[in-house]
């Protein structure tokens, strides 16, 4: 939830984000660069900055399933 709040705050400031949670195979390397203690663990990270719209990677849109296909919305009226 903390990362979600950072993403929302970034959007308001015209910044883009890329949350990253797949650090399992790189956590030791990154913790070493960060000079972290042995008992510390890397859970997630996030890239933050201005996207270059000319780069194709920043125009890639992944397909999404409509919400109605996997959720039931209840009306309490």
PDB file of N, CA and C in Angstrom:
ATOM      1  N   UNK A   1       0.823  -1.182   0.000  1.00  0.00           N
ATOM      2  CA  UNK A   1       0.000   0.000   0.000  1.00  0.00           C
ATOM      3  C   UNK A   1       0.869   1.248   0.000  1.00  0.00           C
ATOM      4  N   UNK A   2       2.027   1.158   0.638  1.00  0.00           N
ATOM      5  CA  UNK A   2       2.923   2.314   0.642  1.00  0.00           C
ATOM      6  C   UNK A   2       3.355   2.646  -0.781  1.00  0.00           C
ATOM      7  N   UNK A   3       3.692   1.616  -1.560  1.00  0.00           N
ATOM      8  CA  UNK A   3       4.121   1.866  -2.939  1.00  0.00           C
ATOM      9  C   UNK A   3       2.981   2.457  -3.767  1.00  0.00           C
ATOM     10  N   UNK A   4       1.766   2.001  -3.518  1.00  0.00           N
ATOM     11  CA  UNK A   4       0.614   2.543  -4.234  1.00  0.00           C
ATOM     12  C   UNK A   4       0.494   4.039  -3.968  1.00  0.00           C
ATOM     13  N   UNK A   5       0.705   4.459  -2.732  1.00  0.00           N
ATOM     14  CA  UNK A   5       0.630   5.886  -2.397  1.00  0.00           C
ATOM     15  C   UNK A   5       1.731   6.678  -3.092  1.00  0.00           C
ATOM     16  N   UNK A   6       2.924   6.108  -3.195  1.00  0.00           N
ATOM     17  CA  UNK A   6       4.021   6.779  -3.911  1.00  0.00           C
ATOM     18  C   UNK A   6       3.665   6.907  -5.391  1.00  0.00           C
ATOM     19  N   UNK A   7       3.096   5.860  -5.974  1.00  0.00           N
ATOM     20  CA  UNK A   7       2.702   5.889  -7.387  1.00  0.00           C
ATOM     21  C   UNK A   7       1.679   6.992  -7.635  1.00  0.00           C
ATOM     22  N   UNK A   8       0.683   7.095  -6.765  1.00  0.00           N
ATOM     23  CA  UNK A   8      -0.359   8.123  -6.917  1.00  0.00           C
ATOM     24  C   UNK A   8       0.247   9.516  -6.755  1.00  0.00           C
ATOM     25  N   UNK A   9       1.100   9.688  -5.755  1.00  0.00           N
ATOM     26  CA  UNK A   9       1.741  10.989  -5.540  1.00  0.00           C
ATOM     27  C   UNK A   9       2.629  11.359  -6.724  1.00  0.00           C
ATOM     28  N   UNK A  10       3.296  10.391  -7.309  1.00  0.00           N
ATOM     29  CA  UNK A  10       4.144  10.654  -8.475  1.00  0.00           C
ATOM     30  C   UNK A  10       3.305  11.094  -9.665  1.00  0.00           C
ATOM     31  N   UNK A  11       2.195  10.405  -9.905  1.00  0.00           N
ATOM     32  CA  UNK A  11       1.323  10.746 -11.034  1.00  0.00           C
ATOM     33  C   UNK A  11       0.846  12.197 -10.953  1.00  0.00           C
ATOM     34  N   UNK A  12       0.500  12.640  -9.749  1.00  0.00           N
ATOM     35  CA  UNK A  12       0.046  14.012  -9.548  1.00  0.00           C
ATOM     36  C   UNK A  12       1.146  15.000  -9.941  1.00  0.00           C
ATOM     37  N   UNK A  13       2.392  14.570  -9.839  1.00  0.00           N
ATOM     38  CA  UNK A  13       3.541  15.424 -10.169  1.00  0.00           C
ATOM     39  C   UNK A  13       4.100  15.135 -11.565  1.00  0.00           C
ATOM     40  N   UNK A  14       3.297  14.467 -12.396  1.00  0.00           N
ATOM     41  CA  UNK A  14       3.677  14.127 -13.775  1.00  0.00           C
ATOM     42  C   UNK A  14       4.909  13.242 -13.860  1.00  0.00           C
ATOM     43  N   UNK A  15       5.111  12.403 -12.856  1.00  0.00           N
ATOM     44  CA  UNK A  15       6.199  11.430 -12.867  1.00  0.00           C
ATOM     45  C   UNK A  15       5.640  10.046 -13.166  1.00  0.00           C
ATOM     46  N   UNK A  16       6.469   9.197 -13.720  1.00  0.00           N
ATOM     47  CA  UNK A  16       6.078   7.820 -13.980  1.00  0.00           C
ATOM     48  C   UNK A  16       6.805   6.910 -13.001  1.00  0.00           C
ATOM     49  N   UNK A  17       6.251   5.753 -12.751  1.00  0.00           N
ATOM     50  CA  UNK A  17       6.857   4.796 -11.826  1.00  0.00           C
ATOM     51  C   UNK A  17       6.864   3.408 -12.451  1.00  0.00           C
ATOM     52  N   UNK A  18       7.739   2.581 -11.915  1.00  0.00           N
ATOM     53  CA  UNK A  18       7.779   1.179 -12.315  1.00  0.00           C
ATOM     54  C   UNK A  18       8.079   0.361 -11.060  1.00  0.00           C
ATOM     55  N   UNK A  19       7.028  -0.065 -10.339  1.00  0.00           N
ATOM     56  CA  UNK A  19       7.257  -0.869  -9.144  1.00  0.00           C
ATOM     57  C   UNK A  19       7.837  -2.226  -9.525  1.00  0.00           C
ATOM     58  N   UNK A  20       8.771  -2.691  -8.710  1.00  0.00           N
ATOM     59  CA  UNK A  20       9.464  -3.941  -9.000  1.00  0.00           C
ATOM     60  C   UNK A  20       9.527  -4.777  -7.730  1.00  0.00           C
ATOM     61  N   UNK A  21       9.004  -5.997  -7.831  1.00  0.00           N
ATOM     62  CA  UNK A  21       8.990  -6.868  -6.663  1.00  0.00           C
ATOM     63  C   UNK A  21       9.769  -8.161  -6.878  1.00  0.00           C
ATOM     64  N   UNK A  22      10.268  -8.411  -8.054  1.00  0.00           N
ATOM     65  CA  UNK A  22      10.965  -9.664  -8.355  1.00  0.00           C
ATOM     66  C   UNK A  22      12.467  -9.511  -8.123  1.00  0.00           C
ATOM     67  N   UNK A  23      12.857  -9.356  -6.881  1.00  0.00           N
ATOM     68  CA  UNK A  23      14.265  -9.129  -6.529  1.00  0.00           C
ATOM     69  C   UNK A  23      14.929 -10.377  -5.972  1.00  0.00           C
ATOM     70  N   UNK A  24      14.249 -11.481  -5.885  1.00  0.00           N
ATOM     71  CA  UNK A  24      14.789 -12.671  -5.212  1.00  0.00           C
ATOM     72  C   UNK A  24      16.172 -13.060  -5.700  1.00  0.00           C
ATOM     73  N   UNK A  25      16.397 -13.027  -6.992  1.00  0.00           N
ATOM     74  CA  UNK A  25      17.693 -13.452  -7.520  1.00  0.00           C
ATOM     75  C   UNK A  25      18.743 -12.348  -7.499  1.00  0.00           C
ATOM     76  N   UNK A  26      18.365 -11.103  -7.187  1.00  0.00           N
ATOM     77  CA  UNK A  26      19.311  -9.990  -7.177  1.00  0.00           C
ATOM     78  C   UNK A  26      19.458  -9.325  -5.816  1.00  0.00           C
ATOM     79  N   UNK A  27      18.697  -9.770  -4.812  1.00  0.00           N
ATOM     80  CA  UNK A  27      18.682  -9.030  -3.547  1.00  0.00           C
ATOM     81  C   UNK A  27      20.064  -8.912  -2.902  1.00  0.00           C
ATOM     82  N   UNK A  28      20.885  -9.942  -2.963  1.00  0.00           N
ATOM     83  CA  UNK A  28      22.217  -9.881  -2.338  1.00  0.00           C
ATOM     84  C   UNK A  28      23.082  -8.817  -3.004  1.00  0.00           C
ATOM     85  N   UNK A  29      23.032  -8.737  -4.317  1.00  0.00           N
ATOM     86  CA  UNK A  29      23.806  -7.742  -5.061  1.00  0.00           C
ATOM     87  C   UNK A  29      23.357  -6.332  -4.707  1.00  0.00           C
ATOM     88  N   UNK A  30      22.053  -6.107  -4.711  1.00  0.00           N
ATOM     89  CA  UNK A  30      21.526  -4.776  -4.433  1.00  0.00           C
ATOM     90  C   UNK A  30      21.802  -4.379  -2.984  1.00  0.00           C
ATOM     91  N   UNK A  31      21.606  -5.299  -2.044  1.00  0.00           N
ATOM     92  CA  UNK A  31      21.878  -4.977  -0.640  1.00  0.00           C
ATOM     93  C   UNK A  31      23.341  -4.640  -0.430  1.00  0.00           C
ATOM     94  N   UNK A  32      24.226  -5.298  -1.150  1.00  0.00           N
ATOM     95  CA  UNK A  32      25.650  -4.993  -1.053  1.00  0.00           C
ATOM     96  C   UNK A  32      25.928  -3.573  -1.550  1.00  0.00           C
ATOM     97  N   UNK A  33      25.311  -3.192  -2.654  1.00  0.00           N
ATOM     98  CA  UNK A  33      25.480  -1.841  -3.198  1.00  0.00           C
ATOM     99  C   UNK A  33      24.930  -0.807  -2.223  1.00  0.00           C
ATOM    100  N   UNK A  34      23.840  -1.137  -1.550  1.00  0.00           N
ATOM    101  CA  UNK A  34      23.225  -0.221  -0.587  1.00  0.00           C
ATOM    102  C   UNK A  34      23.936  -0.227   0.760  1.00  0.00           C
ATOM    103  N   UNK A  35      24.933  -1.110   0.911  1.00  0.00           N
ATOM    104  CA  UNK A  35      25.670  -1.274   2.169  1.00  0.00           C
ATOM    105  C   UNK A  35      24.713  -1.594   3.323  1.00  0.00           C
ATOM    106  N   UNK A  36      23.770  -2.490   3.038  1.00  0.00           N
ATOM    107  CA  UNK A  36      22.774  -2.888   4.034  1.00  0.00           C
ATOM    108  C   UNK A  36      23.371  -3.894   5.013  1.00  0.00           C
ATOM    109  N   UNK A  37      22.779  -3.975   6.172  1.00  0.00           N
ATOM    110  CA  UNK A  37      23.208  -4.941   7.179  1.00  0.00           C
ATOM    111  C   UNK A  37      22.813  -6.354   6.753  1.00  0.00           C
ATOM    112  N   UNK A  38      23.486  -7.357   7.294  1.00  0.00           N
ATOM    113  CA  UNK A  38      23.230  -8.753   6.921  1.00  0.00           C
ATOM    114  C   UNK A  38      21.802  -9.192   7.232  1.00  0.00           C
ATOM    115  N   UNK A  39      21.201  -8.623   8.261  1.00  0.00           N
ATOM    116  CA  UNK A  39      19.851  -9.028   8.651  1.00  0.00           C
ATOM    117  C   UNK A  39      18.758  -8.311   7.854  1.00  0.00           C
ATOM    118  N   UNK A  40      19.125  -7.352   7.008  1.00  0.00           N
ATOM    119  CA  UNK A  40      18.139  -6.625   6.225  1.00  0.00           C
ATOM    120  C   UNK A  40      17.786  -7.403   4.954  1.00  0.00           C
ATOM    121  N   UNK A  41      16.590  -7.168   4.469  1.00  0.00           N
ATOM    122  CA  UNK A  41      16.089  -7.888   3.301  1.00  0.00           C
ATOM    123  C   UNK A  41      15.436  -6.905   2.341  1.00  0.00           C
ATOM    124  N   UNK A  42      15.690  -7.095   1.061  1.00  0.00           N
ATOM    125  CA  UNK A  42      15.066  -6.267   0.035  1.00  0.00           C
ATOM    126  C   UNK A  42      13.749  -6.911  -0.370  1.00  0.00           C
ATOM    127  N   UNK A  43      12.666  -6.165  -0.242  1.00  0.00           N
ATOM    128  CA  UNK A  43      11.344  -6.696  -0.565  1.00  0.00           C
ATOM    129  C   UNK A  43      10.879  -6.174  -1.922  1.00  0.00           C
ATOM    130  N   UNK A  44      11.091  -4.894  -2.169  1.00  0.00           N
ATOM    131  CA  UNK A  44      10.645  -4.315  -3.426  1.00  0.00           C
ATOM    132  C   UNK A  44      11.430  -3.044  -3.712  1.00  0.00           C
ATOM    133  N   UNK A  45      11.292  -2.558  -4.913  1.00  0.00           N
ATOM    134  CA  UNK A  45      11.935  -1.317  -5.318  1.00  0.00           C
ATOM    135  C   UNK A  45      11.033  -0.599  -6.303  1.00  0.00           C
ATOM    136  N   UNK A  46      11.433   0.605  -6.685  1.00  0.00           N
ATOM    137  CA  UNK A  46      10.619   1.347  -7.634  1.00  0.00           C
ATOM    138  C   UNK A  46      11.497   2.316  -8.418  1.00  0.00           C
ATOM    139  N   UNK A  47      11.352   2.280  -9.730  1.00  0.00           N
ATOM    140  CA  UNK A  47      11.962   3.298 -10.575  1.00  0.00           C
ATOM    141  C   UNK A  47      11.001   4.489 -10.604  1.00  0.00           C
ATOM    142  N   UNK A  48      11.559   5.684 -10.586  1.00  0.00           N
ATOM    143  CA  UNK A  48      10.745   6.893 -10.540  1.00  0.00           C
ATOM    144  C   UNK A  48      11.412   7.942 -11.411  1.00  0.00           C
ATOM    145  N   UNK A  49      10.648   8.575 -12.286  1.00  0.00           N
ATOM    146  CA  UNK A  49      11.225   9.615 -13.128  1.00  0.00           C
ATOM    147  C   UNK A  49      10.286  10.028 -14.240  1.00  0.00           C
ATOM    148  N   UNK A  50      10.852  10.727 -15.204  1.00  0.00           N
ATOM    149  CA  UNK A  50      10.080  11.190 -16.348  1.00  0.00           C
ATOM    150  C   UNK A  50      10.249  10.201 -17.495  1.00  0.00           C
ATOM    151  N   UNK A  51       9.141   9.720 -18.016  1.00  0.00           N
ATOM    152  CA  UNK A  51       9.180   8.768 -19.129  1.00  0.00           C
ATOM    153  C   UNK A  51       9.499   9.511 -20.421  1.00  0.00           C
ATOM    154  N   UNK A  52      10.247   8.859 -21.287  1.00  0.00           N
ATOM    155  CA  UNK A  52      10.533   9.392 -22.616  1.00  0.00           C
ATOM    156  C   UNK A  52       9.511   8.791 -23.577  1.00  0.00           C
ATOM    157  N   UNK A  53       8.508   9.560 -24.001  1.00  0.00           N
ATOM    158  CA  UNK A  53       7.447   9.005 -24.845  1.00  0.00           C
ATOM    159  C   UNK A  53       7.952   8.536 -26.208  1.00  0.00           C
ATOM    160  N   UNK A  54       9.170   8.919 -26.592  1.00  0.00           N
ATOM    161  CA  UNK A  54       9.721   8.469 -27.874  1.00  0.00           C
ATOM    162  C   UNK A  54      10.198   7.030 -27.819  1.00  0.00           C
ATOM    163  N   UNK A  55      10.447   6.527 -26.619  1.00  0.00           N
ATOM    164  CA  UNK A  55      10.924   5.154 -26.470  1.00  0.00           C
ATOM    165  C   UNK A  55       9.752   4.186 -26.559  1.00  0.00           C
ATOM    166  N   UNK A  56       9.914   3.149 -27.352  1.00  0.00           N
ATOM    167  CA  UNK A  56       8.822   2.188 -27.574  1.00  0.00           C
ATOM    168  C   UNK A  56       8.381   1.503 -26.280  1.00  0.00           C
ATOM    169  N   UNK A  57       9.314   1.278 -25.367  1.00  0.00           N
ATOM    170  CA  UNK A  57       8.957   0.613 -24.107  1.00  0.00           C
ATOM    171  C   UNK A  57       7.942   1.441 -23.314  1.00  0.00           C
ATOM    172  N   UNK A  58       7.955   2.740 -23.493  1.00  0.00           N
ATOM    173  CA  UNK A  58       7.018   3.609 -22.774  1.00  0.00           C
ATOM    174  C   UNK A  58       5.674   3.742 -23.478  1.00  0.00           C
ATOM    175  N   UNK A  59       5.515   3.091 -24.624  1.00  0.00           N
ATOM    176  CA  UNK A  59       4.234   3.090 -25.337  1.00  0.00           C
ATOM    177  C   UNK A  59       3.565   1.721 -25.289  1.00  0.00           C
ATOM    178  N   UNK A  60       4.224   0.778 -24.655  1.00  0.00           N
ATOM    179  CA  UNK A  60       3.699  -0.587 -24.579  1.00  0.00           C
ATOM    180  C   UNK A  60       2.553  -0.640 -23.574  1.00  0.00           C
ATOM    181  N   UNK A  61       1.409  -1.124 -24.015  1.00  0.00           N
ATOM    182  CA  UNK A  61       0.245  -1.245 -23.133  1.00  0.00           C
ATOM    183  C   UNK A  61      -0.138  -2.719 -23.084  1.00  0.00           C
ATOM    184  N   UNK A  62      -0.146  -3.275 -21.898  1.00  0.00           N
ATOM    185  CA  UNK A  62      -0.507  -4.680 -21.739  1.00  0.00           C
ATOM    186  C   UNK A  62      -2.023  -4.829 -21.761  1.00  0.00           C
ATOM    187  N   UNK A  63      -2.514  -5.937 -22.324  1.00  0.00           N
ATOM    188  CA  UNK A  63      -3.963  -6.148 -22.349  1.00  0.00           C
ATOM    189  C   UNK A  63      -4.503  -6.361 -20.936  1.00  0.00           C
ATOM    190  N   UNK A  64      -5.701  -5.907 -20.712  1.00  0.00           N
ATOM    191  CA  UNK A  64      -6.355  -6.051 -19.412  1.00  0.00           C
ATOM    192  C   UNK A  64      -7.703  -6.726 -19.591  1.00  0.00           C
ATOM    193  N   UNK A  65      -8.040  -7.571 -18.654  1.00  0.00           N
ATOM    194  CA  UNK A  65      -9.358  -8.199 -18.621  1.00  0.00           C
ATOM    195  C   UNK A  65     -10.306  -7.192 -17.975  1.00  0.00           C
ATOM    196  N   UNK A  66     -11.506  -7.021 -18.512  1.00  0.00           N
ATOM    197  CA  UNK A  66     -12.459  -6.104 -17.883  1.00  0.00           C
ATOM    198  C   UNK A  66     -12.774  -6.540 -16.446  1.00  0.00           C
ATOM    199  N   UNK A  67     -12.964  -5.575 -15.570  1.00  0.00           N
ATOM    200  CA  UNK A  67     -13.254  -5.859 -14.162  1.00  0.00           C
ATOM    201  C   UNK A  67     -14.443  -6.798 -14.027  1.00  0.00           C
ATOM    202  N   UNK A  68     -15.429  -6.616 -14.866  1.00  0.00           N
ATOM    203  CA  UNK A  68     -16.642  -7.432 -14.802  1.00  0.00           C
ATOM    204  C   UNK A  68     -16.368  -8.920 -15.039  1.00  0.00           C
ATOM    205  N   UNK A  69     -15.247  -9.242 -15.666  1.00  0.00           N
ATOM    206  CA  UNK A  69     -14.896 -10.637 -15.932  1.00  0.00           C
ATOM    207  C   UNK A  69     -14.355 -11.378 -14.702  1.00  0.00           C
ATOM    208  N   UNK A  70     -13.949 -10.639 -13.661  1.00  0.00           N
ATOM    209  CA  UNK A  70     -13.387 -11.321 -12.496  1.00  0.00           C
ATOM    210  C   UNK A  70     -13.909 -10.800 -11.154  1.00  0.00           C
ATOM    211  N   UNK A  71     -14.819  -9.829 -11.189  1.00  0.00           N
ATOM    212  CA  UNK A  71     -15.334  -9.279  -9.932  1.00  0.00           C
ATOM    213  C   UNK A  71     -16.843  -9.133  -9.989  1.00  0.00           C
ATOM    214  N   UNK A  72     -17.455  -9.223  -8.820  1.00  0.00           N
ATOM    215  CA  UNK A  72     -18.892  -8.972  -8.702  1.00  0.00           C
ATOM    216  C   UNK A  72     -19.047  -7.679  -7.920  1.00  0.00           C
ATOM    217  N   UNK A  73     -19.667  -6.696  -8.534  1.00  0.00           N
ATOM    218  CA  UNK A  73     -19.875  -5.410  -7.895  1.00  0.00           C
ATOM    219  C   UNK A  73     -21.276  -5.389  -7.301  1.00  0.00           C
ATOM    220  N   UNK A  74     -21.364  -5.118  -6.011  1.00  0.00           N
ATOM    221  CA  UNK A  74     -22.654  -5.109  -5.317  1.00  0.00           C
ATOM    222  C   UNK A  74     -23.145  -3.680  -5.145  1.00  0.00           C
ATOM    223  N   UNK A  75     -24.419  -3.496  -5.295  1.00  0.00           N
ATOM    224  CA  UNK A  75     -25.036  -2.200  -5.102  1.00  0.00           C
ATOM    225  C   UNK A  75     -25.855  -2.275  -3.814  1.00  0.00           C
ATOM    226  N   UNK A  76     -25.564  -1.411  -2.850  1.00  0.00           N
ATOM    227  CA  UNK A  76     -26.238  -1.440  -1.545  1.00  0.00           C
ATOM    228  C   UNK A  76     -27.449  -0.530  -1.478  1.00  0.00           C
ATOM    229  N   UNK A  77     -27.992  -0.124  -2.607  1.00  0.00           N
ATOM    230  CA  UNK A  77     -29.157   0.776  -2.599  1.00  0.00           C
ATOM    231  C   UNK A  77     -30.397   0.073  -2.121  1.00  0.00           C
TER     232      UNK A  77
END
